[in-house]
Amino acid sequence: MRSRGKRYTDDFKKMLIEVYNSGKPVLELCSEYGVTSATLYKWLKNPPTNESKKPIIKIDNKPKAVDNDKELLKLQKENERIKEENEILKKAIAMFAKEENPY
């Protein structure tokens, strides 16, 4: 698959266009900002708009319905299971410590 090149923000593009319009030569802009001349000419021909093609962050305004009682019960069960596992591990460590040090 073909890899994609660098992605520039619309603000960066607009800033370069403004600097170009103030009189700075294209080659100087390209060397200073690391943009190819073809890319800069493309931006000059089709300046970026204020409309975004894709939203950067998708916001879900709908509140999620969570049954608090079920969630609480689930977390309590998980907590009990973890406590049991922790006790088993403590006992195993104590047994191994006794075997290694018989004195």
PDB file of N, CA and C in Angstrom:
ATOM      1  N   MET A   1       0.823  -1.189   0.000  1.00  0.00           N
ATOM      2  CA  MET A   1       0.000   0.000   0.000  1.00  0.00           C
ATOM      3  C   MET A   1       0.867   1.253   0.000  1.00  0.00           C
ATOM      4  N   ARG A   2       0.340   2.270  -0.546  1.00  0.00           N
ATOM      5  CA  ARG A   2       1.046   3.531  -0.632  1.00  0.00           C
ATOM      6  C   ARG A   2       0.925   4.292   0.685  1.00  0.00           C
ATOM      7  N   SER A   3       2.039   4.768   1.187  1.00  0.00           N
ATOM      8  CA  SER A   3       1.986   5.531   2.434  1.00  0.00           C
ATOM      9  C   SER A   3       1.572   6.964   2.143  1.00  0.00           C
ATOM     10  N   ARG A   4       0.937   7.541   3.090  1.00  0.00           N
ATOM     11  CA  ARG A   4       0.468   8.916   2.938  1.00  0.00           C
ATOM     12  C   ARG A   4       1.551   9.872   3.404  1.00  0.00           C
ATOM     13  N   GLY A   5       1.577  11.044   2.784  1.00  0.00           N
ATOM     14  CA  GLY A   5       2.551  12.059   3.145  1.00  0.00           C
ATOM     15  C   GLY A   5       2.154  12.796   4.405  1.00  0.00           C
ATOM     16  N   LYS A   6       2.838  13.904   4.637  1.00  0.00           N
ATOM     17  CA  LYS A   6       2.554  14.715   5.815  1.00  0.00           C
ATOM     18  C   LYS A   6       1.155  15.316   5.724  1.00  0.00           C
ATOM     19  N   ARG A   7       0.556  15.520   6.861  1.00  0.00           N
ATOM     20  CA  ARG A   7      -0.751  16.183   6.941  1.00  0.00           C
ATOM     21  C   ARG A   7      -0.549  17.540   7.603  1.00  0.00           C
ATOM     22  N   TYR A   8      -1.108  18.558   7.007  1.00  0.00           N
ATOM     23  CA  TYR A   8      -0.995  19.911   7.533  1.00  0.00           C
ATOM     24  C   TYR A   8      -2.374  20.415   7.913  1.00  0.00           C
ATOM     25  N   THR A   9      -2.421  21.197   8.974  1.00  0.00           N
ATOM     26  CA  THR A   9      -3.695  21.763   9.408  1.00  0.00           C
ATOM     27  C   THR A   9      -4.090  22.905   8.493  1.00  0.00           C
ATOM     28  N   ASP A  10      -5.371  23.194   8.487  1.00  0.00           N
ATOM     29  CA  ASP A  10      -5.871  24.306   7.676  1.00  0.00           C
ATOM     30  C   ASP A  10      -5.280  25.629   8.147  1.00  0.00           C
ATOM     31  N   ASP A  11      -5.067  25.759   9.462  1.00  0.00           N
ATOM     32  CA  ASP A  11      -4.477  26.988   9.983  1.00  0.00           C
ATOM     33  C   ASP A  11      -3.059  27.186   9.450  1.00  0.00           C
ATOM     34  N   PHE A  12      -2.287  26.095   9.379  1.00  0.00           N
ATOM     35  CA  PHE A  12      -0.935  26.172   8.837  1.00  0.00           C
ATOM     36  C   PHE A  12      -0.968  26.587   7.370  1.00  0.00           C
ATOM     37  N   LYS A  13      -1.875  25.980   6.625  1.00  0.00           N
ATOM     38  CA  LYS A  13      -2.003  26.308   5.201  1.00  0.00           C
ATOM     39  C   LYS A  13      -2.365  27.786   5.013  1.00  0.00           C
ATOM     40  N   LYS A  14      -3.343  28.252   5.790  1.00  0.00           N
ATOM     41  CA  LYS A  14      -3.770  29.655   5.682  1.00  0.00           C
ATOM     42  C   LYS A  14      -2.638  30.605   6.044  1.00  0.00           C
ATOM     43  N   MET A  15      -1.845  30.222   7.068  1.00  0.00           N
ATOM     44  CA  MET A  15      -0.744  31.061   7.489  1.00  0.00           C
ATOM     45  C   MET A  15       0.292  31.166   6.373  1.00  0.00           C
ATOM     46  N   LEU A  16       0.612  30.061   5.713  1.00  0.00           N
ATOM     47  CA  LEU A  16       1.575  30.096   4.617  1.00  0.00           C
ATOM     48  C   LEU A  16       1.053  30.928   3.442  1.00  0.00           C
ATOM     49  N   ILE A  17      -0.221  30.828   3.162  1.00  0.00           N
ATOM     50  CA  ILE A  17      -0.817  31.620   2.083  1.00  0.00           C
ATOM     51  C   ILE A  17      -0.718  33.109   2.411  1.00  0.00           C
ATOM     52  N   GLU A  18      -0.971  33.465   3.676  1.00  0.00           N
ATOM     53  CA  GLU A  18      -0.868  34.865   4.088  1.00  0.00           C
ATOM     54  C   GLU A  18       0.562  35.372   3.962  1.00  0.00           C
ATOM     55  N   VAL A  19       1.525  34.535   4.352  1.00  0.00           N
ATOM     56  CA  VAL A  19       2.930  34.943   4.255  1.00  0.00           C
ATOM     57  C   VAL A  19       3.313  35.113   2.781  1.00  0.00           C
ATOM     58  N   TYR A  20       2.836  34.209   1.930  1.00  0.00           N
ATOM     59  CA  TYR A  20       3.094  34.325   0.492  1.00  0.00           C
ATOM     60  C   TYR A  20       2.494  35.628  -0.054  1.00  0.00           C
ATOM     61  N   ASN A  21       1.269  35.928   0.350  1.00  0.00           N
ATOM     62  CA  ASN A  21       0.597  37.146  -0.120  1.00  0.00           C
ATOM     63  C   ASN A  21       1.284  38.418   0.381  1.00  0.00           C
ATOM     64  N   SER A  22       2.042  38.299   1.482  1.00  0.00           N
ATOM     65  CA  SER A  22       2.760  39.477   1.980  1.00  0.00           C
ATOM     66  C   SER A  22       4.033  39.745   1.185  1.00  0.00           C
ATOM     67  N   GLY A  23       4.386  38.803   0.274  1.00  0.00           N
ATOM     68  CA  GLY A  23       5.516  39.081  -0.611  1.00  0.00           C
ATOM     69  C   GLY A  23       6.689  38.139  -0.490  1.00  0.00           C
ATOM     70  N   LYS A  24       6.610  37.145   0.333  1.00  0.00           N
ATOM     71  CA  LYS A  24       7.731  36.212   0.481  1.00  0.00           C
ATOM     72  C   LYS A  24       7.718  35.216  -0.683  1.00  0.00           C
ATOM     73  N   PRO A  25       8.869  34.924  -1.295  1.00  0.00           N
ATOM     74  CA  PRO A  25       8.910  34.014  -2.437  1.00  0.00           C
ATOM     75  C   PRO A  25       8.592  32.567  -2.052  1.00  0.00           C
ATOM     76  N   VAL A  26       8.065  31.821  -3.022  1.00  0.00           N
ATOM     77  CA  VAL A  26       7.640  30.443  -2.793  1.00  0.00           C
ATOM     78  C   VAL A  26       8.815  29.574  -2.361  1.00  0.00           C
ATOM     79  N   LEU A  27       9.946  29.687  -3.025  1.00  0.00           N
ATOM     80  CA  LEU A  27      11.096  28.845  -2.696  1.00  0.00           C
ATOM     81  C   LEU A  27      11.588  29.082  -1.269  1.00  0.00           C
ATOM     82  N   GLU A  28      11.555  30.332  -0.848  1.00  0.00           N
ATOM     83  CA  GLU A  28      11.969  30.657   0.518  1.00  0.00           C
ATOM     84  C   GLU A  28      10.996  30.054   1.534  1.00  0.00           C
ATOM     85  N   LEU A  29       9.703  30.158   1.247  1.00  0.00           N
ATOM     86  CA  LEU A  29       8.692  29.555   2.134  1.00  0.00           C
ATOM     87  C   LEU A  29       8.884  28.045   2.225  1.00  0.00           C
ATOM     88  N   CYS A  30       9.126  27.425   1.075  1.00  0.00           N
ATOM     89  CA  CYS A  30       9.269  25.970   1.045  1.00  0.00           C
ATOM     90  C   CYS A  30      10.457  25.503   1.870  1.00  0.00           C
ATOM     91  N   SER A  31      11.583  26.181   1.721  1.00  0.00           N
ATOM     92  CA  SER A  31      12.763  25.770   2.477  1.00  0.00           C
ATOM     93  C   SER A  31      12.601  26.067   3.964  1.00  0.00           C
ATOM     94  N   GLU A  32      11.935  27.155   4.288  1.00  0.00           N
ATOM     95  CA  GLU A  32      11.771  27.540   5.687  1.00  0.00           C
ATOM     96  C   GLU A  32      10.787  26.633   6.431  1.00  0.00           C
ATOM     97  N   TYR A  33       9.698  26.237   5.772  1.00  0.00           N
ATOM     98  CA  TYR A  33       8.643  25.477   6.441  1.00  0.00           C
ATOM     99  C   TYR A  33       8.607  23.998   6.058  1.00  0.00           C
ATOM    100  N   GLY A  34       9.482  23.572   5.167  1.00  0.00           N
ATOM    101  CA  GLY A  34       9.553  22.157   4.819  1.00  0.00           C
ATOM    102  C   GLY A  34       8.388  21.662   3.983  1.00  0.00           C
ATOM    103  N   VAL A  35       7.872  22.518   3.128  1.00  0.00           N
ATOM    104  CA  VAL A  35       6.747  22.164   2.261  1.00  0.00           C
ATOM    105  C   VAL A  35       7.263  22.187   0.824  1.00  0.00           C
ATOM    106  N   THR A  36       6.789  21.288  -0.001  1.00  0.00           N
ATOM    107  CA  THR A  36       7.210  21.304  -1.398  1.00  0.00           C
ATOM    108  C   THR A  36       6.512  22.443  -2.139  1.00  0.00           C
ATOM    109  N   SER A  37       7.140  22.880  -3.201  1.00  0.00           N
ATOM    110  CA  SER A  37       6.552  23.985  -3.967  1.00  0.00           C
ATOM    111  C   SER A  37       5.241  23.559  -4.624  1.00  0.00           C
ATOM    112  N   ALA A  38       5.159  22.300  -5.061  1.00  0.00           N
ATOM    113  CA  ALA A  38       3.916  21.820  -5.666  1.00  0.00           C
ATOM    114  C   ALA A  38       2.769  21.871  -4.658  1.00  0.00           C
ATOM    115  N   THR A  39       3.068  21.495  -3.421  1.00  0.00           N
ATOM    116  CA  THR A  39       2.043  21.533  -2.371  1.00  0.00           C
ATOM    117  C   THR A  39       1.600  22.964  -2.108  1.00  0.00           C
ATOM    118  N   LEU A  40       2.557  23.867  -2.020  1.00  0.00           N
ATOM    119  CA  LEU A  40       2.217  25.265  -1.752  1.00  0.00           C
ATOM    120  C   LEU A  40       1.407  25.869  -2.899  1.00  0.00           C
ATOM    121  N   TYR A  41       1.783  25.570  -4.128  1.00  0.00           N
ATOM    122  CA  TYR A  41       1.004  26.070  -5.267  1.00  0.00           C
ATOM    123  C   TYR A  41      -0.418  25.501  -5.272  1.00  0.00           C
ATOM    124  N   LYS A  42      -0.537  24.248  -4.842  1.00  0.00           N
ATOM    125  CA  LYS A  42      -1.880  23.644  -4.760  1.00  0.00           C
ATOM    126  C   LYS A  42      -2.724  24.378  -3.723  1.00  0.00           C
ATOM    127  N   TRP A  43      -2.122  24.739  -2.588  1.00  0.00           N
ATOM    128  CA  TRP A  43      -2.847  25.477  -1.557  1.00  0.00           C
ATOM    129  C   TRP A  43      -3.217  26.872  -2.051  1.00  0.00           C
ATOM    130  N   LEU A  44      -2.329  27.483  -2.823  1.00  0.00           N
ATOM    131  CA  LEU A  44      -2.627  28.815  -3.352  1.00  0.00           C
ATOM    132  C   LEU A  44      -3.770  28.762  -4.359  1.00  0.00           C
ATOM    133  N   LYS A  45      -3.812  27.697  -5.136  1.00  0.00           N
ATOM    134  CA  LYS A  45      -4.866  27.550  -6.139  1.00  0.00           C
ATOM    135  C   LYS A  45      -6.212  27.226  -5.483  1.00  0.00           C
ATOM    136  N   ASN A  46      -6.184  26.327  -4.492  1.00  0.00           N
ATOM    137  CA  ASN A  46      -7.407  25.921  -3.765  1.00  0.00           C
ATOM    138  C   ASN A  46      -7.188  26.152  -2.282  1.00  0.00           C
ATOM    139  N   PRO A  47      -7.394  27.380  -1.807  1.00  0.00           N
ATOM    140  CA  PRO A  47      -7.162  27.642  -0.385  1.00  0.00           C
ATOM    141  C   PRO A  47      -8.125  26.840   0.491  1.00  0.00           C
ATOM    142  N   PRO A  48      -7.678  26.477   1.684  1.00  0.00           N
ATOM    143  CA  PRO A  48      -8.550  25.718   2.587  1.00  0.00           C
ATOM    144  C   PRO A  48      -9.748  26.545   3.018  1.00  0.00           C
ATOM    145  N   THR A  49     -10.855  25.869   3.196  1.00  0.00           N
ATOM    146  CA  THR A  49     -12.075  26.541   3.634  1.00  0.00           C
ATOM    147  C   THR A  49     -12.235  26.376   5.131  1.00  0.00           C
ATOM    148  N   ASN A  50     -13.192  27.071   5.679  1.00  0.00           N
ATOM    149  CA  ASN A  50     -13.468  26.951   7.103  1.00  0.00           C
ATOM    150  C   ASN A  50     -14.249  25.691   7.428  1.00  0.00           C
ATOM    151  N   GLU A  51     -14.856  25.100   6.393  1.00  0.00           N
ATOM    152  CA  GLU A  51     -15.640  23.899   6.621  1.00  0.00           C
ATOM    153  C   GLU A  51     -14.713  22.708   6.742  1.00  0.00           C
ATOM    154  N   SER A  52     -14.935  21.916   7.746  1.00  0.00           N
ATOM    155  CA  SER A  52     -14.113  20.728   7.967  1.00  0.00           C
ATOM    156  C   SER A  52     -14.754  19.547   7.260  1.00  0.00           C
ATOM    157  N   LYS A  53     -13.928  18.764   6.581  1.00  0.00           N
ATOM    158  CA  LYS A  53     -14.448  17.590   5.891  1.00  0.00           C
ATOM    159  C   LYS A  53     -14.818  16.492   6.876  1.00  0.00           C
ATOM    160  N   LYS A  54     -13.960  16.296   7.866  1.00  0.00           N
ATOM    161  CA  LYS A  54     -14.208  15.285   8.883  1.00  0.00           C
ATOM    162  C   LYS A  54     -14.136  15.947  10.251  1.00  0.00           C
ATOM    163  N   PRO A  55     -15.019  15.575  11.138  1.00  0.00           N
ATOM    164  CA  PRO A  55     -14.898  16.125  12.486  1.00  0.00           C
ATOM    165  C   PRO A  55     -13.685  15.524  13.178  1.00  0.00           C
ATOM    166  N   ILE A  56     -12.954  16.348  13.886  1.00  0.00           N
ATOM    167  CA  ILE A  56     -11.769  15.867  14.583  1.00  0.00           C
ATOM    168  C   ILE A  56     -12.181  15.011  15.771  1.00  0.00           C
ATOM    169  N   ILE A  57     -13.154  15.480  16.514  1.00  0.00           N
ATOM    170  CA  ILE A  57     -13.640  14.745  17.676  1.00  0.00           C
ATOM    171  C   ILE A  57     -15.132  14.529  17.509  1.00  0.00           C
ATOM    172  N   LYS A  58     -15.539  13.302  17.643  1.00  0.00           N
ATOM    173  CA  LYS A  58     -16.956  12.999  17.538  1.00  0.00           C
ATOM    174  C   LYS A  58     -17.561  13.077  18.938  1.00  0.00           C
ATOM    175  N   ILE A  59     -18.555  13.925  19.071  1.00  0.00           N
ATOM    176  CA  ILE A  59     -19.189  14.134  20.372  1.00  0.00           C
ATOM    177  C   ILE A  59     -20.559  13.476  20.352  1.00  0.00           C
ATOM    178  N   ASP A  60     -20.777  12.629  21.332  1.00  0.00           N
ATOM    179  CA  ASP A  60     -22.064  11.975  21.467  1.00  0.00           C
ATOM    180  C   ASP A  60     -22.825  12.685  22.578  1.00  0.00           C
ATOM    181  N   ASN A  61     -23.850  13.443  22.205  1.00  0.00           N
ATOM    182  CA  ASN A  61     -24.606  14.212  23.179  1.00  0.00           C
ATOM    183  C   ASN A  61     -25.645  13.386  23.916  1.00  0.00           C
ATOM    184  N   LYS A  62     -25.888  12.170  23.452  1.00  0.00           N
ATOM    185  CA  LYS A  62     -26.879  11.327  24.101  1.00  0.00           C
ATOM    186  C   LYS A  62     -26.291  10.711  25.366  1.00  0.00           C
ATOM    187  N   PRO A  63     -26.950  10.899  26.494  1.00  0.00           N
ATOM    188  CA  PRO A  63     -26.428  10.273  27.711  1.00  0.00           C
ATOM    189  C   PRO A  63     -26.634   8.755  27.651  1.00  0.00           C
ATOM    190  N   LYS A  64     -25.645   8.042  28.129  1.00  0.00           N
ATOM    191  CA  LYS A  64     -25.736   6.592  28.137  1.00  0.00           C
ATOM    192  C   LYS A  64     -26.548   6.142  29.350  1.00  0.00           C
ATOM    193  N   ALA A  65     -27.499   5.279  29.070  1.00  0.00           N
ATOM    194  CA  ALA A  65     -28.329   4.760  30.146  1.00  0.00           C
ATOM    195  C   ALA A  65     -27.588   3.600  30.811  1.00  0.00           C
ATOM    196  N   VAL A  66     -27.240   3.786  32.069  1.00  0.00           N
ATOM    197  CA  VAL A  66     -26.516   2.763  32.811  1.00  0.00           C
ATOM    198  C   VAL A  66     -27.353   2.382  34.012  1.00  0.00           C
ATOM    199  N   ASP A  67     -27.555   1.102  34.150  1.00  0.00           N
ATOM    200  CA  ASP A  67     -28.276   0.622  35.312  1.00  0.00           C
ATOM    201  C   ASP A  67     -27.274   0.535  36.456  1.00  0.00           C
ATOM    202  N   ASN A  68     -27.342   1.503  37.349  1.00  0.00           N
ATOM    203  CA  ASN A  68     -26.356   1.607  38.424  1.00  0.00           C
ATOM    204  C   ASN A  68     -26.357   0.396  39.344  1.00  0.00           C
ATOM    205  N   ASP A  69     -27.520  -0.182  39.614  1.00  0.00           N
ATOM    206  CA  ASP A  69     -27.588  -1.331  40.513  1.00  0.00           C
ATOM    207  C   ASP A  69     -26.866  -2.532  39.918  1.00  0.00           C
ATOM    208  N   LYS A  70     -27.063  -2.786  38.636  1.00  0.00           N
ATOM    209  CA  LYS A  70     -26.398  -3.914  37.990  1.00  0.00           C
ATOM    210  C   LYS A  70     -24.887  -3.695  37.948  1.00  0.00           C
ATOM    211  N   GLU A  71     -24.488  -2.481  37.641  1.00  0.00           N
ATOM    212  CA  GLU A  71     -23.061  -2.161  37.577  1.00  0.00           C
ATOM    213  C   GLU A  71     -22.418  -2.307  38.953  1.00  0.00           C
ATOM    214  N   LEU A  72     -23.098  -1.846  39.982  1.00  0.00           N
ATOM    215  CA  LEU A  72     -22.578  -1.956  41.339  1.00  0.00           C
ATOM    216  C   LEU A  72     -22.438  -3.413  41.751  1.00  0.00           C
ATOM    217  N   LEU A  73     -23.449  -4.226  41.446  1.00  0.00           N
ATOM    218  CA  LEU A  73     -23.395  -5.647  41.778  1.00  0.00           C
ATOM    219  C   LEU A  73     -22.245  -6.334  41.045  1.00  0.00           C
ATOM    220  N   LYS A  74     -22.063  -6.019  39.794  1.00  0.00           N
ATOM    221  CA  LYS A  74     -20.974  -6.594  39.002  1.00  0.00           C
ATOM    222  C   LYS A  74     -19.619  -6.238  39.605  1.00  0.00           C
ATOM    223  N   LEU A  75     -19.446  -4.970  39.993  1.00  0.00           N
ATOM    224  CA  LEU A  75     -18.180  -4.530  40.572  1.00  0.00           C
ATOM    225  C   LEU A  75     -17.927  -5.164  41.940  1.00  0.00           C
ATOM    226  N   GLN A  76     -18.991  -5.360  42.709  1.00  0.00           N
ATOM    227  CA  GLN A  76     -18.834  -6.004  44.006  1.00  0.00           C
ATOM    228  C   GLN A  76     -18.397  -7.458  43.847  1.00  0.00           C
ATOM    229  N   LYS A  77     -18.971  -8.177  42.889  1.00  0.00           N
ATOM    230  CA  LYS A  77     -18.577  -9.560  42.634  1.00  0.00           C
ATOM    231  C   LYS A  77     -17.124  -9.633  42.194  1.00  0.00           C
ATOM    232  N   GLU A  78     -16.740  -8.733  41.311  1.00  0.00           N
ATOM    233  CA  GLU A  78     -15.354  -8.714  40.836  1.00  0.00           C
ATOM    234  C   GLU A  78     -14.395  -8.411  41.983  1.00  0.00           C
ATOM    235  N   ASN A  79     -14.791  -7.507  42.862  1.00  0.00           N
ATOM    236  CA  ASN A  79     -13.968  -7.157  44.015  1.00  0.00           C
ATOM    237  C   ASN A  79     -13.786  -8.367  44.937  1.00  0.00           C
ATOM    238  N   GLU A  80     -14.839  -9.117  45.177  1.00  0.00           N
ATOM    239  CA  GLU A  80     -14.754 -10.321  46.011  1.00  0.00           C
ATOM    240  C   GLU A  80     -13.829 -11.360  45.384  1.00  0.00           C
ATOM    241  N   ARG A  81     -13.931 -11.542  44.063  1.00  0.00           N
ATOM    242  CA  ARG A  81     -13.075 -12.499  43.370  1.00  0.00           C
ATOM    243  C   ARG A  81     -11.605 -12.103  43.490  1.00  0.00           C
ATOM    244  N   ILE A  82     -11.328 -10.824  43.351  1.00  0.00           N
ATOM    245  CA  ILE A  82      -9.953 -10.339  43.454  1.00  0.00           C
ATOM    246  C   ILE A  82      -9.427 -10.525  44.870  1.00  0.00           C
ATOM    247  N   LYS A  83     -10.262 -10.296  45.872  1.00  0.00           N
ATOM    248  CA  LYS A  83      -9.836 -10.498  47.264  1.00  0.00           C
ATOM    249  C   LYS A  83      -9.491 -11.963  47.512  1.00  0.00           C
ATOM    250  N   GLU A  84     -10.315 -12.880  46.979  1.00  0.00           N
ATOM    251  CA  GLU A  84     -10.031 -14.310  47.142  1.00  0.00           C
ATOM    252  C   GLU A  84      -8.712 -14.686  46.473  1.00  0.00           C
ATOM    253  N   GLU A  85      -8.491 -14.194  45.266  1.00  0.00           N
ATOM    254  CA  GLU A  85      -7.242 -14.483  44.568  1.00  0.00           C
ATOM    255  C   GLU A  85      -6.052 -13.942  45.344  1.00  0.00           C
ATOM    256  N   ASN A  86      -6.204 -12.773  45.920  1.00  0.00           N
ATOM    257  CA  ASN A  86      -5.138 -12.162  46.704  1.00  0.00           C
ATOM    258  C   ASN A  86      -4.812 -13.016  47.934  1.00  0.00           C
ATOM    259  N   GLU A  87      -5.822 -13.526  48.620  1.00  0.00           N
ATOM    260  CA  GLU A  87      -5.601 -14.370  49.793  1.00  0.00           C
ATOM    261  C   GLU A  87      -4.890 -15.663  49.403  1.00  0.00           C
ATOM    262  N   ILE A  88      -5.281 -16.266  48.284  1.00  0.00           N
ATOM    263  CA  ILE A  88      -4.631 -17.489  47.811  1.00  0.00           C
ATOM    264  C   ILE A  88      -3.153 -17.221  47.526  1.00  0.00           C
ATOM    265  N   LEU A  89      -2.860 -16.118  46.893  1.00  0.00           N
ATOM    266  CA  LEU A  89      -1.475 -15.772  46.595  1.00  0.00           C
ATOM    267  C   LEU A  89      -0.663 -15.523  47.861  1.00  0.00           C
ATOM    268  N   LYS A  90      -1.262 -14.897  48.860  1.00  0.00           N
ATOM    269  CA  LYS A  90      -0.563 -14.667  50.125  1.00  0.00           C
ATOM    270  C   LYS A  90      -0.211 -15.984  50.789  1.00  0.00           C
ATOM    271  N   LYS A  91      -1.159 -16.930  50.780  1.00  0.00           N
ATOM    272  CA  LYS A  91      -0.906 -18.238  51.383  1.00  0.00           C
ATOM    273  C   LYS A  91       0.188 -18.988  50.625  1.00  0.00           C
ATOM    274  N   ALA A  92       0.178 -18.902  49.292  1.00  0.00           N
ATOM    275  CA  ALA A  92       1.191 -19.575  48.486  1.00  0.00           C
ATOM    276  C   ALA A  92       2.573 -18.987  48.767  1.00  0.00           C
ATOM    277  N   ILE A  93       2.665 -17.693  48.914  1.00  0.00           N
ATOM    278  CA  ILE A  93       3.949 -17.055  49.213  1.00  0.00           C
ATOM    279  C   ILE A  93       4.450 -17.517  50.573  1.00  0.00           C
ATOM    280  N   ALA A  94       3.548 -17.608  51.548  1.00  0.00           N
ATOM    281  CA  ALA A  94       3.944 -18.049  52.884  1.00  0.00           C
ATOM    282  C   ALA A  94       4.451 -19.488  52.845  1.00  0.00           C
ATOM    283  N   MET A  95       3.790 -20.338  52.056  1.00  0.00           N
ATOM    284  CA  MET A  95       4.223 -21.748  51.951  1.00  0.00           C
ATOM    285  C   MET A  95       5.600 -21.833  51.311  1.00  0.00           C
ATOM    286  N   PHE A  96       5.819 -21.117  50.248  1.00  0.00           N
ATOM    287  CA  PHE A  96       7.114 -21.156  49.571  1.00  0.00           C
ATOM    288  C   PHE A  96       8.225 -20.572  50.465  1.00  0.00           C
ATOM    289  N   ALA A  97       7.895 -19.574  51.236  1.00  0.00           N
ATOM    290  CA  ALA A  97       8.892 -18.976  52.127  1.00  0.00           C
ATOM    291  C   ALA A  97       9.314 -19.979  53.205  1.00  0.00           C
ATOM    292  N   LYS A  98       8.397 -20.798  53.717  1.00  0.00           N
ATOM    293  CA  LYS A  98       8.712 -21.807  54.724  1.00  0.00           C
ATOM    294  C   LYS A  98       9.588 -22.915  54.125  1.00  0.00           C
ATOM    295  N   GLU A  99       9.301 -23.326  52.882  1.00  0.00           N
ATOM    296  CA  GLU A  99      10.058 -24.393  52.231  1.00  0.00           C
ATOM    297  C   GLU A  99      11.501 -23.969  51.977  1.00  0.00           C
ATOM    298  N   GLU A 100      11.734 -22.722  51.602  1.00  0.00           N
ATOM    299  CA  GLU A 100      13.067 -22.257  51.279  1.00  0.00           C
ATOM    300  C   GLU A 100      13.918 -22.055  52.524  1.00  0.00           C
ATOM    301  N   ASN A 101      13.304 -21.692  53.629  1.00  0.00           N
ATOM    302  CA  ASN A 101      14.035 -21.386  54.855  1.00  0.00           C
ATOM    303  C   ASN A 101      13.562 -22.311  55.974  1.00  0.00           C
ATOM    304  N   PRO A 102      14.119 -23.525  56.081  1.00  0.00           N
ATOM    305  CA  PRO A 102      13.631 -24.476  57.092  1.00  0.00           C
ATOM    306  C   PRO A 102      14.098 -24.143  58.500  1.00  0.00           C
ATOM    307  N   TYR A 103      14.924 -23.166  58.728  1.00  0.00           N
ATOM    308  CA  TYR A 103      15.453 -22.862  60.067  1.00  0.00           C
ATOM    309  C   TYR A 103      14.518 -22.059  60.872  1.00  0.00           C
TER     310      TYR A 103
END
